[in-house]
Amino acid sequence: MRDLVGLVVLGCLGIAVLAGYATYRVWAQGERDERMPADAIVVMGAAQYDGRPSPVFAARLEHAVELYRAGVAPRLVVTGGKADGDRTTEAATARAYAIAHGVPSDAILVEDQSRTTLESIRAVGGVLRASGLDKAVFVSDRPHMLRVLRMAADDGITAWGSPTGTSPIESDPLRQMDATIHELGALAQYFLVGGAS
């Protein structure tokens, strides 16, 4: 019985150490802005309300448009499909936002079928390769960046991250904690079974 308890304690300690390290990696990556000249800027989709981006999505889009205006890349890739009951896609909402903020329509590439981060990254990889592009700066929230970049690298994309610093998540500790826990679970799922939300 004592040996079993010892094994359980060691197992719990191991899990705690692994979770602590993963949390550090999530936040360390989220603190880095790696923007550099690339072929495209990819903005990860988020909730939209009948063509109006949610505050989280608007923060991502604002940052992506700023990168485009700064000359980081000549192409902007917008992503995201539609949830059940939606009349439009996240990508269509993002495209309209970008055009309204000065990005030429012919500079925008669209991926509008994905419902998860993994689906989005794989579809973006196809969009980039079809256009002869392979280097991209990805825009999302800080907690999301590690998973996005790992998936992009696994798909053969040369990827850098430029997280938005204006997301509503930034000013809400509870949302930060919730986002971090979500990322830890999604990373574990991705590494263990190759799938993630």
N, C-alpha and C. Protein backbone atom coordinates (compact mmCIF):
# COMPACT_ATOMS: atom_id res chain seq x y z
N MET A 1 0.84 -1.21 0.00
CA MET A 1 0.00 0.00 0.00
C MET A 1 0.88 1.26 0.00
N ARG A 2 1.95 1.22 0.81
CA ARG A 2 2.84 2.37 0.88
C ARG A 2 3.49 2.65 -0.49
N ASP A 3 3.87 1.58 -1.21
CA ASP A 3 4.47 1.75 -2.54
C ASP A 3 3.46 2.37 -3.51
N LEU A 4 2.22 1.92 -3.41
CA LEU A 4 1.18 2.46 -4.30
C LEU A 4 0.97 3.95 -4.03
N VAL A 5 0.90 4.32 -2.77
CA VAL A 5 0.74 5.73 -2.41
C VAL A 5 1.92 6.54 -2.92
N GLY A 6 3.12 5.97 -2.78
CA GLY A 6 4.31 6.66 -3.29
C GLY A 6 4.26 6.89 -4.79
N LEU A 7 3.81 5.88 -5.51
CA LEU A 7 3.69 6.02 -6.96
C LEU A 7 2.66 7.08 -7.33
N VAL A 8 1.55 7.10 -6.61
CA VAL A 8 0.51 8.10 -6.87
C VAL A 8 1.04 9.51 -6.61
N VAL A 9 1.77 9.66 -5.50
CA VAL A 9 2.34 10.97 -5.16
C VAL A 9 3.34 11.40 -6.23
N LEU A 10 4.22 10.48 -6.64
CA LEU A 10 5.18 10.80 -7.69
C LEU A 10 4.49 11.16 -9.00
N GLY A 11 3.44 10.43 -9.31
CA GLY A 11 2.68 10.72 -10.54
C GLY A 11 2.05 12.11 -10.48
N CYS A 12 1.48 12.44 -9.34
CA CYS A 12 0.86 13.77 -9.18
C CYS A 12 1.91 14.87 -9.27
N LEU A 13 3.08 14.64 -8.67
CA LEU A 13 4.15 15.63 -8.76
C LEU A 13 4.62 15.80 -10.20
N GLY A 14 4.74 14.69 -10.90
CA GLY A 14 5.15 14.76 -12.30
C GLY A 14 4.16 15.55 -13.15
N ILE A 15 2.87 15.30 -12.93
CA ILE A 15 1.83 16.03 -13.67
C ILE A 15 1.88 17.52 -13.34
N ALA A 16 2.10 17.83 -12.05
CA ALA A 16 2.16 19.23 -11.64
C ALA A 16 3.34 19.94 -12.27
N VAL A 17 4.49 19.27 -12.32
CA VAL A 17 5.68 19.86 -12.94
C VAL A 17 5.45 20.07 -14.43
N LEU A 18 4.87 19.07 -15.10
CA LEU A 18 4.60 19.18 -16.53
C LEU A 18 3.61 20.31 -16.81
N ALA A 19 2.55 20.40 -15.99
CA ALA A 19 1.56 21.46 -16.18
C ALA A 19 2.17 22.84 -15.94
N GLY A 20 3.06 22.93 -14.94
CA GLY A 20 3.72 24.20 -14.68
C GLY A 20 4.61 24.62 -15.83
N TYR A 21 5.36 23.68 -16.37
CA TYR A 21 6.24 23.99 -17.50
C TYR A 21 5.43 24.39 -18.73
N ALA A 22 4.34 23.65 -18.99
CA ALA A 22 3.49 23.97 -20.14
C ALA A 22 2.87 25.36 -19.99
N THR A 23 2.45 25.70 -18.77
CA THR A 23 1.89 27.02 -18.53
C THR A 23 2.93 28.11 -18.79
N TYR A 24 4.15 27.87 -18.31
CA TYR A 24 5.24 28.81 -18.58
C TYR A 24 5.45 28.99 -20.08
N ARG A 25 5.46 27.88 -20.83
CA ARG A 25 5.69 27.95 -22.28
C ARG A 25 4.56 28.71 -22.98
N VAL A 26 3.32 28.48 -22.56
CA VAL A 26 2.18 29.19 -23.15
C VAL A 26 2.36 30.69 -22.98
N TRP A 27 2.68 31.13 -21.76
CA TRP A 27 2.78 32.56 -21.50
C TRP A 27 4.07 33.17 -22.02
N ALA A 28 5.15 32.40 -22.03
CA ALA A 28 6.40 32.92 -22.59
C ALA A 28 6.25 33.20 -24.08
N GLN A 29 5.61 32.28 -24.80
CA GLN A 29 5.39 32.51 -26.23
C GLN A 29 4.44 33.69 -26.44
N GLY A 30 3.43 33.78 -25.61
CA GLY A 30 2.47 34.87 -25.74
C GLY A 30 3.06 36.25 -25.50
N GLU A 31 4.18 36.30 -24.79
CA GLU A 31 4.83 37.58 -24.51
C GLU A 31 5.76 38.03 -25.65
N ARG A 32 6.00 37.14 -26.61
CA ARG A 32 6.95 37.46 -27.69
C ARG A 32 6.22 37.96 -28.92
N ASP A 33 6.65 39.10 -29.43
CA ASP A 33 6.17 39.60 -30.72
C ASP A 33 7.30 39.37 -31.72
N GLU A 34 7.11 38.38 -32.59
CA GLU A 34 8.15 37.95 -33.51
C GLU A 34 7.97 38.52 -34.91
N ARG A 35 7.18 39.57 -35.03
CA ARG A 35 6.89 40.11 -36.37
C ARG A 35 8.18 40.33 -37.16
N MET A 36 8.13 39.93 -38.42
CA MET A 36 9.24 40.13 -39.34
C MET A 36 8.70 39.99 -40.75
N PRO A 37 9.45 40.43 -41.75
CA PRO A 37 8.95 40.33 -43.12
C PRO A 37 8.55 38.89 -43.47
N ALA A 38 7.37 38.75 -44.03
CA ALA A 38 6.83 37.43 -44.34
C ALA A 38 6.02 37.50 -45.63
N ASP A 39 5.51 36.35 -46.04
CA ASP A 39 4.66 36.30 -47.23
C ASP A 39 3.23 36.71 -46.92
N ALA A 40 2.80 36.43 -45.69
CA ALA A 40 1.41 36.70 -45.33
C ALA A 40 1.26 36.91 -43.83
N ILE A 41 0.21 37.62 -43.48
CA ILE A 41 -0.23 37.75 -42.09
C ILE A 41 -1.50 36.93 -41.96
N VAL A 42 -1.54 36.01 -41.03
CA VAL A 42 -2.71 35.15 -40.83
C VAL A 42 -3.39 35.55 -39.54
N VAL A 43 -4.65 35.94 -39.63
CA VAL A 43 -5.40 36.29 -38.42
C VAL A 43 -6.36 35.15 -38.10
N MET A 44 -6.22 34.60 -36.90
CA MET A 44 -7.04 33.47 -36.50
C MET A 44 -8.47 33.93 -36.18
N GLY A 45 -9.43 33.16 -36.64
CA GLY A 45 -10.83 33.52 -36.45
C GLY A 45 -11.27 33.44 -34.99
N ALA A 46 -12.37 34.11 -34.72
CA ALA A 46 -13.01 34.07 -33.39
C ALA A 46 -14.48 34.40 -33.61
N ALA A 47 -15.22 34.49 -32.53
CA ALA A 47 -16.66 34.68 -32.65
C ALA A 47 -17.02 35.97 -33.39
N GLN A 48 -18.10 35.86 -34.15
CA GLN A 48 -18.67 37.03 -34.82
C GLN A 48 -20.18 36.97 -34.66
N TYR A 49 -20.79 38.14 -34.67
CA TYR A 49 -22.23 38.23 -34.44
C TYR A 49 -22.89 38.86 -35.65
N ASP A 50 -23.35 38.00 -36.56
CA ASP A 50 -24.05 38.45 -37.76
C ASP A 50 -23.23 39.48 -38.54
N GLY A 51 -21.95 39.18 -38.70
CA GLY A 51 -21.08 40.06 -39.47
C GLY A 51 -20.31 41.09 -38.66
N ARG A 52 -20.55 41.12 -37.35
CA ARG A 52 -19.83 42.05 -36.49
C ARG A 52 -18.87 41.26 -35.62
N PRO A 53 -17.56 41.56 -35.68
CA PRO A 53 -16.62 40.77 -34.89
C PRO A 53 -16.81 40.99 -33.40
N SER A 54 -16.66 39.92 -32.63
CA SER A 54 -16.67 40.03 -31.18
C SER A 54 -15.49 40.89 -30.75
N PRO A 55 -15.50 41.40 -29.52
CA PRO A 55 -14.36 42.21 -29.06
C PRO A 55 -13.02 41.48 -29.18
N VAL A 56 -13.01 40.18 -28.89
CA VAL A 56 -11.77 39.40 -29.03
C VAL A 56 -11.33 39.37 -30.49
N PHE A 57 -12.27 39.11 -31.39
CA PHE A 57 -11.95 39.04 -32.82
C PHE A 57 -11.53 40.41 -33.35
N ALA A 58 -12.22 41.46 -32.92
CA ALA A 58 -11.89 42.81 -33.37
C ALA A 58 -10.46 43.18 -32.97
N ALA A 59 -10.03 42.77 -31.77
CA ALA A 59 -8.67 43.07 -31.33
C ALA A 59 -7.65 42.37 -32.23
N ARG A 60 -7.94 41.12 -32.60
CA ARG A 60 -7.04 40.40 -33.51
C ARG A 60 -6.99 41.08 -34.87
N LEU A 61 -8.15 41.46 -35.37
CA LEU A 61 -8.21 42.09 -36.70
C LEU A 61 -7.50 43.44 -36.70
N GLU A 62 -7.70 44.21 -35.67
CA GLU A 62 -7.04 45.52 -35.58
C GLU A 62 -5.52 45.35 -35.63
N HIS A 63 -5.02 44.37 -34.89
CA HIS A 63 -3.58 44.12 -34.85
C HIS A 63 -3.08 43.65 -36.22
N ALA A 64 -3.83 42.76 -36.85
CA ALA A 64 -3.42 42.25 -38.17
C ALA A 64 -3.38 43.37 -39.20
N VAL A 65 -4.36 44.25 -39.17
CA VAL A 65 -4.38 45.37 -40.11
C VAL A 65 -3.19 46.31 -39.84
N GLU A 66 -2.87 46.52 -38.57
CA GLU A 66 -1.69 47.34 -38.24
C GLU A 66 -0.42 46.72 -38.82
N LEU A 67 -0.29 45.41 -38.72
CA LEU A 67 0.88 44.73 -39.29
C LEU A 67 0.91 44.89 -40.80
N TYR A 68 -0.25 44.78 -41.43
CA TYR A 68 -0.31 44.95 -42.89
C TYR A 68 0.13 46.37 -43.27
N ARG A 69 -0.41 47.36 -42.57
CA ARG A 69 -0.05 48.75 -42.86
C ARG A 69 1.44 49.02 -42.64
N ALA A 70 2.03 48.30 -41.70
CA ALA A 70 3.46 48.46 -41.40
C ALA A 70 4.35 47.77 -42.43
N GLY A 71 3.74 47.06 -43.37
CA GLY A 71 4.50 46.41 -44.43
C GLY A 71 5.11 45.08 -44.05
N VAL A 72 4.56 44.44 -43.00
CA VAL A 72 5.09 43.13 -42.57
C VAL A 72 4.92 42.08 -43.66
N ALA A 73 3.81 42.13 -44.39
CA ALA A 73 3.56 41.18 -45.47
C ALA A 73 2.58 41.79 -46.47
N PRO A 74 2.64 41.35 -47.73
CA PRO A 74 1.74 41.89 -48.75
C PRO A 74 0.38 41.20 -48.82
N ARG A 75 0.20 40.14 -48.04
CA ARG A 75 -1.05 39.39 -48.06
C ARG A 75 -1.59 39.26 -46.64
N LEU A 76 -2.92 39.28 -46.54
CA LEU A 76 -3.61 39.03 -45.27
C LEU A 76 -4.50 37.81 -45.48
N VAL A 77 -4.34 36.81 -44.62
CA VAL A 77 -5.18 35.61 -44.70
C VAL A 77 -6.17 35.65 -43.55
N VAL A 78 -7.46 35.61 -43.88
CA VAL A 78 -8.51 35.60 -42.86
C VAL A 78 -9.08 34.19 -42.77
N THR A 79 -9.44 33.79 -41.56
CA THR A 79 -9.83 32.40 -41.34
C THR A 79 -11.13 32.28 -40.56
N GLY A 80 -11.73 31.11 -40.66
CA GLY A 80 -12.87 30.78 -39.82
C GLY A 80 -14.16 30.55 -40.57
N GLY A 81 -14.82 29.44 -40.26
CA GLY A 81 -16.10 29.12 -40.86
C GLY A 81 -17.25 29.72 -40.06
N LYS A 82 -18.38 29.04 -40.11
CA LYS A 82 -19.56 29.53 -39.39
C LYS A 82 -20.05 28.48 -38.42
N ALA A 83 -20.58 28.94 -37.30
CA ALA A 83 -21.20 28.05 -36.32
C ALA A 83 -22.63 27.77 -36.74
N ASP A 84 -23.23 26.74 -36.16
CA ASP A 84 -24.63 26.42 -36.46
C ASP A 84 -25.51 27.63 -36.21
N GLY A 85 -26.33 27.97 -37.18
CA GLY A 85 -27.24 29.10 -37.04
C GLY A 85 -26.68 30.42 -37.53
N ASP A 86 -25.38 30.48 -37.78
CA ASP A 86 -24.80 31.73 -38.28
C ASP A 86 -25.18 31.97 -39.73
N ARG A 87 -25.30 33.24 -40.08
CA ARG A 87 -25.61 33.61 -41.47
C ARG A 87 -24.36 33.94 -42.29
N THR A 88 -23.25 34.13 -41.60
CA THR A 88 -22.01 34.44 -42.30
C THR A 88 -20.85 33.77 -41.58
N THR A 89 -19.68 33.81 -42.17
CA THR A 89 -18.51 33.15 -41.60
C THR A 89 -17.62 34.15 -40.86
N GLU A 90 -16.76 33.62 -40.02
CA GLU A 90 -15.76 34.46 -39.37
C GLU A 90 -14.85 35.09 -40.43
N ALA A 91 -14.48 34.31 -41.44
CA ALA A 91 -13.59 34.83 -42.48
C ALA A 91 -14.23 35.97 -43.26
N ALA A 92 -15.52 35.85 -43.59
CA ALA A 92 -16.21 36.92 -44.32
C ALA A 92 -16.28 38.19 -43.46
N THR A 93 -16.54 38.00 -42.18
CA THR A 93 -16.57 39.14 -41.26
C THR A 93 -15.19 39.81 -41.21
N ALA A 94 -14.14 39.00 -41.13
CA ALA A 94 -12.78 39.52 -41.08
C ALA A 94 -12.41 40.23 -42.38
N ARG A 95 -12.81 39.67 -43.49
CA ARG A 95 -12.51 40.28 -44.79
C ARG A 95 -13.17 41.66 -44.90
N ALA A 96 -14.44 41.73 -44.50
CA ALA A 96 -15.15 43.01 -44.55
C ALA A 96 -14.50 44.04 -43.63
N TYR A 97 -14.08 43.60 -42.45
CA TYR A 97 -13.40 44.50 -41.51
C TYR A 97 -12.11 45.02 -42.12
N ALA A 98 -11.32 44.12 -42.68
CA ALA A 98 -10.03 44.52 -43.25
C ALA A 98 -10.20 45.51 -44.40
N ILE A 99 -11.17 45.24 -45.27
CA ILE A 99 -11.41 46.15 -46.40
C ILE A 99 -11.86 47.52 -45.89
N ALA A 100 -12.74 47.51 -44.87
CA ALA A 100 -13.23 48.78 -44.30
C ALA A 100 -12.10 49.57 -43.64
N HIS A 101 -11.01 48.88 -43.30
CA HIS A 101 -9.88 49.55 -42.65
C HIS A 101 -8.68 49.67 -43.58
N GLY A 102 -8.95 49.65 -44.88
CA GLY A 102 -7.93 50.04 -45.85
C GLY A 102 -7.11 48.94 -46.49
N VAL A 103 -7.40 47.67 -46.21
CA VAL A 103 -6.67 46.59 -46.87
C VAL A 103 -7.33 46.31 -48.22
N PRO A 104 -6.60 46.36 -49.32
CA PRO A 104 -7.21 46.10 -50.63
C PRO A 104 -7.77 44.68 -50.71
N SER A 105 -8.91 44.54 -51.35
CA SER A 105 -9.56 43.23 -51.42
C SER A 105 -8.68 42.19 -52.10
N ASP A 106 -7.87 42.63 -53.09
CA ASP A 106 -7.03 41.65 -53.79
C ASP A 106 -5.80 41.24 -52.99
N ALA A 107 -5.61 41.83 -51.81
CA ALA A 107 -4.51 41.43 -50.93
C ALA A 107 -4.96 40.41 -49.89
N ILE A 108 -6.26 40.06 -49.90
CA ILE A 108 -6.83 39.20 -48.86
C ILE A 108 -7.11 37.81 -49.40
N LEU A 109 -6.58 36.81 -48.72
CA LEU A 109 -6.88 35.41 -49.01
C LEU A 109 -7.83 34.89 -47.94
N VAL A 110 -8.70 33.97 -48.32
CA VAL A 110 -9.78 33.56 -47.42
C VAL A 110 -9.78 32.05 -47.19
N GLU A 111 -9.89 31.66 -45.93
CA GLU A 111 -10.14 30.27 -45.53
C GLU A 111 -11.41 30.30 -44.69
N ASP A 112 -12.52 29.79 -45.22
CA ASP A 112 -13.81 29.99 -44.56
C ASP A 112 -14.57 28.70 -44.23
N GLN A 113 -13.83 27.60 -44.06
CA GLN A 113 -14.49 26.33 -43.77
C GLN A 113 -14.19 25.79 -42.37
N SER A 114 -13.15 26.26 -41.74
CA SER A 114 -12.69 25.65 -40.49
C SER A 114 -13.58 26.00 -39.30
N ARG A 115 -13.60 25.07 -38.34
CA ARG A 115 -14.32 25.30 -37.09
C ARG A 115 -13.40 25.18 -35.87
N THR A 116 -12.18 24.69 -36.08
CA THR A 116 -11.24 24.53 -34.97
C THR A 116 -9.89 25.12 -35.38
N THR A 117 -9.03 25.31 -34.40
CA THR A 117 -7.68 25.83 -34.69
C THR A 117 -6.94 24.89 -35.63
N LEU A 118 -6.99 23.60 -35.36
CA LEU A 118 -6.26 22.65 -36.20
C LEU A 118 -6.79 22.66 -37.63
N GLU A 119 -8.10 22.65 -37.80
CA GLU A 119 -8.67 22.71 -39.15
C GLU A 119 -8.23 23.99 -39.85
N SER A 120 -8.22 25.08 -39.12
CA SER A 120 -7.84 26.37 -39.69
C SER A 120 -6.39 26.37 -40.15
N ILE A 121 -5.49 25.87 -39.30
CA ILE A 121 -4.07 25.85 -39.66
C ILE A 121 -3.85 24.98 -40.89
N ARG A 122 -4.46 23.82 -40.93
CA ARG A 122 -4.28 22.94 -42.09
C ARG A 122 -4.83 23.57 -43.36
N ALA A 123 -5.96 24.23 -43.24
CA ALA A 123 -6.54 24.90 -44.41
C ALA A 123 -5.68 26.09 -44.84
N VAL A 124 -5.16 26.84 -43.88
CA VAL A 124 -4.28 27.97 -44.19
C VAL A 124 -3.03 27.47 -44.91
N GLY A 125 -2.49 26.35 -44.45
CA GLY A 125 -1.33 25.77 -45.12
C GLY A 125 -1.62 25.50 -46.59
N GLY A 126 -2.81 24.98 -46.87
CA GLY A 126 -3.20 24.74 -48.26
C GLY A 126 -3.34 26.02 -49.05
N VAL A 127 -3.95 27.04 -48.44
CA VAL A 127 -4.12 28.34 -49.10
C VAL A 127 -2.76 28.96 -49.43
N LEU A 128 -1.85 28.91 -48.46
CA LEU A 128 -0.53 29.49 -48.67
C LEU A 128 0.21 28.75 -49.78
N ARG A 129 0.22 27.42 -49.72
CA ARG A 129 0.96 26.65 -50.72
C ARG A 129 0.38 26.85 -52.11
N ALA A 130 -0.95 26.96 -52.20
CA ALA A 130 -1.59 27.18 -53.50
C ALA A 130 -1.20 28.52 -54.11
N SER A 131 -0.82 29.46 -53.26
CA SER A 131 -0.41 30.79 -53.74
C SER A 131 1.11 30.95 -53.79
N GLY A 132 1.83 29.86 -53.56
CA GLY A 132 3.28 29.91 -53.60
C GLY A 132 3.90 30.63 -52.41
N LEU A 133 3.22 30.61 -51.28
CA LEU A 133 3.68 31.30 -50.07
C LEU A 133 4.02 30.27 -49.00
N ASP A 134 4.99 30.57 -48.15
CA ASP A 134 5.29 29.61 -47.08
C ASP A 134 5.71 30.25 -45.76
N LYS A 135 5.83 31.57 -45.71
CA LYS A 135 6.23 32.24 -44.47
C LYS A 135 5.10 33.15 -44.00
N ALA A 136 4.70 32.99 -42.74
CA ALA A 136 3.56 33.75 -42.25
C ALA A 136 3.74 34.21 -40.82
N VAL A 137 3.22 35.39 -40.53
CA VAL A 137 3.11 35.90 -39.17
C VAL A 137 1.67 35.66 -38.72
N PHE A 138 1.50 34.93 -37.63
CA PHE A 138 0.16 34.59 -37.14
C PHE A 138 -0.25 35.55 -36.03
N VAL A 139 -1.52 35.96 -36.09
CA VAL A 139 -2.08 36.86 -35.09
C VAL A 139 -3.20 36.15 -34.33
N SER A 140 -3.09 36.16 -33.01
CA SER A 140 -4.15 35.65 -32.15
C SER A 140 -3.94 36.25 -30.76
N ASP A 141 -4.59 35.69 -29.75
CA ASP A 141 -4.41 36.15 -28.39
C ASP A 141 -3.16 35.50 -27.79
N ARG A 142 -2.63 36.10 -26.76
CA ARG A 142 -1.39 35.59 -26.16
C ARG A 142 -1.45 34.11 -25.77
N PRO A 143 -2.49 33.66 -25.06
CA PRO A 143 -2.49 32.25 -24.65
C PRO A 143 -2.57 31.27 -25.83
N HIS A 144 -3.08 31.72 -26.95
CA HIS A 144 -3.31 30.86 -28.12
C HIS A 144 -2.06 30.65 -28.96
N MET A 145 -1.05 31.51 -28.81
CA MET A 145 0.05 31.57 -29.78
C MET A 145 0.90 30.31 -29.82
N LEU A 146 1.20 29.72 -28.68
CA LEU A 146 2.06 28.54 -28.66
C LEU A 146 1.45 27.41 -29.49
N ARG A 147 0.17 27.15 -29.28
CA ARG A 147 -0.49 26.07 -30.01
C ARG A 147 -0.58 26.37 -31.50
N VAL A 148 -0.92 27.62 -31.83
CA VAL A 148 -1.01 28.02 -33.23
C VAL A 148 0.33 27.79 -33.94
N LEU A 149 1.40 28.24 -33.31
CA LEU A 149 2.71 28.14 -33.96
C LEU A 149 3.20 26.70 -34.05
N ARG A 150 2.90 25.89 -33.04
CA ARG A 150 3.29 24.48 -33.10
C ARG A 150 2.56 23.77 -34.23
N MET A 151 1.25 24.02 -34.34
CA MET A 151 0.48 23.40 -35.41
C MET A 151 0.94 23.87 -36.79
N ALA A 152 1.24 25.16 -36.89
CA ALA A 152 1.71 25.71 -38.17
C ALA A 152 3.04 25.07 -38.57
N ALA A 153 3.97 24.96 -37.62
CA ALA A 153 5.26 24.33 -37.91
C ALA A 153 5.06 22.88 -38.34
N ASP A 154 4.17 22.16 -37.66
CA ASP A 154 3.91 20.77 -38.01
C ASP A 154 3.29 20.63 -39.40
N ASP A 155 2.64 21.70 -39.87
CA ASP A 155 2.05 21.68 -41.21
C ASP A 155 3.02 22.17 -42.28
N GLY A 156 4.25 22.48 -41.88
CA GLY A 156 5.26 22.90 -42.84
C GLY A 156 5.31 24.38 -43.13
N ILE A 157 4.61 25.17 -42.33
CA ILE A 157 4.62 26.62 -42.51
C ILE A 157 5.76 27.21 -41.67
N THR A 158 6.54 28.10 -42.28
CA THR A 158 7.52 28.87 -41.51
C THR A 158 6.73 29.97 -40.81
N ALA A 159 6.60 29.86 -39.49
CA ALA A 159 5.64 30.69 -38.77
C ALA A 159 6.26 31.47 -37.63
N TRP A 160 5.80 32.71 -37.49
CA TRP A 160 6.15 33.55 -36.35
C TRP A 160 4.85 34.07 -35.74
N GLY A 161 4.91 34.47 -34.49
CA GLY A 161 3.72 34.96 -33.81
C GLY A 161 3.80 36.44 -33.49
N SER A 162 2.66 37.11 -33.63
CA SER A 162 2.53 38.50 -33.20
C SER A 162 1.20 38.63 -32.48
N PRO A 163 1.18 38.35 -31.17
CA PRO A 163 -0.10 38.37 -30.44
C PRO A 163 -0.63 39.78 -30.25
N THR A 164 -1.94 39.88 -30.22
CA THR A 164 -2.55 41.18 -29.93
C THR A 164 -2.46 41.46 -28.43
N GLY A 165 -2.15 42.69 -28.10
CA GLY A 165 -2.08 43.09 -26.70
C GLY A 165 -3.32 43.81 -26.22
N THR A 166 -4.34 43.91 -27.09
CA THR A 166 -5.53 44.68 -26.74
C THR A 166 -6.77 43.82 -26.56
N SER A 167 -6.59 42.51 -26.54
CA SER A 167 -7.74 41.62 -26.35
C SER A 167 -8.39 41.86 -24.99
N PRO A 168 -9.71 41.73 -24.89
CA PRO A 168 -10.37 41.83 -23.58
C PRO A 168 -9.84 40.82 -22.58
N ILE A 169 -9.25 39.75 -23.06
CA ILE A 169 -8.68 38.75 -22.16
C ILE A 169 -7.57 39.37 -21.30
N GLU A 170 -6.86 40.34 -21.87
CA GLU A 170 -5.70 40.93 -21.21
C GLU A 170 -6.04 41.58 -19.86
N SER A 171 -7.23 42.14 -19.77
CA SER A 171 -7.58 42.90 -18.57
C SER A 171 -8.45 42.12 -17.59
N ASP A 172 -8.64 40.84 -17.83
CA ASP A 172 -9.53 40.04 -16.99
C ASP A 172 -8.78 38.78 -16.52
N PRO A 173 -8.30 38.76 -15.28
CA PRO A 173 -7.54 37.60 -14.78
C PRO A 173 -8.30 36.28 -14.89
N LEU A 174 -9.61 36.31 -14.68
CA LEU A 174 -10.39 35.07 -14.78
C LEU A 174 -10.40 34.56 -16.21
N ARG A 175 -10.55 35.46 -17.17
CA ARG A 175 -10.51 35.04 -18.58
C ARG A 175 -9.12 34.56 -18.97
N GLN A 176 -8.09 35.18 -18.42
CA GLN A 176 -6.72 34.72 -18.68
C GLN A 176 -6.54 33.30 -18.16
N MET A 177 -7.00 33.05 -16.96
CA MET A 177 -6.87 31.72 -16.38
C MET A 177 -7.66 30.69 -17.18
N ASP A 178 -8.89 31.06 -17.56
CA ASP A 178 -9.72 30.15 -18.34
C ASP A 178 -9.07 29.84 -19.69
N ALA A 179 -8.51 30.88 -20.34
CA ALA A 179 -7.86 30.68 -21.63
C ALA A 179 -6.63 29.80 -21.49
N THR A 180 -5.88 29.98 -20.41
CA THR A 180 -4.68 29.17 -20.20
C THR A 180 -5.04 27.71 -19.96
N ILE A 181 -6.06 27.47 -19.14
CA ILE A 181 -6.50 26.09 -18.88
C ILE A 181 -6.98 25.44 -20.17
N HIS A 182 -7.73 26.20 -20.97
CA HIS A 182 -8.19 25.68 -22.26
C HIS A 182 -7.00 25.29 -23.14
N GLU A 183 -5.99 26.15 -23.18
CA GLU A 183 -4.82 25.87 -24.01
C GLU A 183 -4.06 24.65 -23.52
N LEU A 184 -3.92 24.49 -22.22
CA LEU A 184 -3.23 23.32 -21.69
C LEU A 184 -3.95 22.04 -22.10
N GLY A 185 -5.27 22.05 -22.00
CA GLY A 185 -6.05 20.88 -22.42
C GLY A 185 -5.95 20.62 -23.91
N ALA A 186 -6.03 21.70 -24.70
CA ALA A 186 -5.97 21.55 -26.15
C ALA A 186 -4.59 21.09 -26.62
N LEU A 187 -3.54 21.59 -25.97
CA LEU A 187 -2.19 21.13 -26.30
C LEU A 187 -2.02 19.66 -25.96
N ALA A 188 -2.50 19.25 -24.80
CA ALA A 188 -2.40 17.84 -24.41
C ALA A 188 -3.14 16.97 -25.41
N GLN A 189 -4.33 17.40 -25.81
CA GLN A 189 -5.11 16.64 -26.79
C GLN A 189 -4.38 16.55 -28.12
N TYR A 190 -3.78 17.65 -28.54
CA TYR A 190 -3.06 17.67 -29.81
C TYR A 190 -1.86 16.72 -29.78
N PHE A 191 -1.09 16.77 -28.70
CA PHE A 191 0.10 15.94 -28.62
C PHE A 191 -0.25 14.45 -28.45
N LEU A 192 -1.35 14.18 -27.75
CA LEU A 192 -1.70 12.79 -27.47
C LEU A 192 -2.45 12.11 -28.60
N VAL A 193 -3.40 12.83 -29.19
CA VAL A 193 -4.24 12.18 -30.22
C VAL A 193 -4.27 12.93 -31.54
N GLY A 194 -3.54 14.05 -31.63
CA GLY A 194 -3.45 14.75 -32.91
C GLY A 194 -4.67 15.59 -33.26
N GLY A 195 -5.48 15.90 -32.29
CA GLY A 195 -6.65 16.74 -32.55
C GLY A 195 -6.79 17.77 -31.46
N ALA A 196 -7.45 18.88 -31.78
CA ALA A 196 -7.63 19.93 -30.78
C ALA A 196 -8.71 20.87 -31.24
N SER A 197 -9.27 21.60 -30.28
CA SER A 197 -10.31 22.58 -30.63
C SER A 197 -9.69 23.86 -31.12
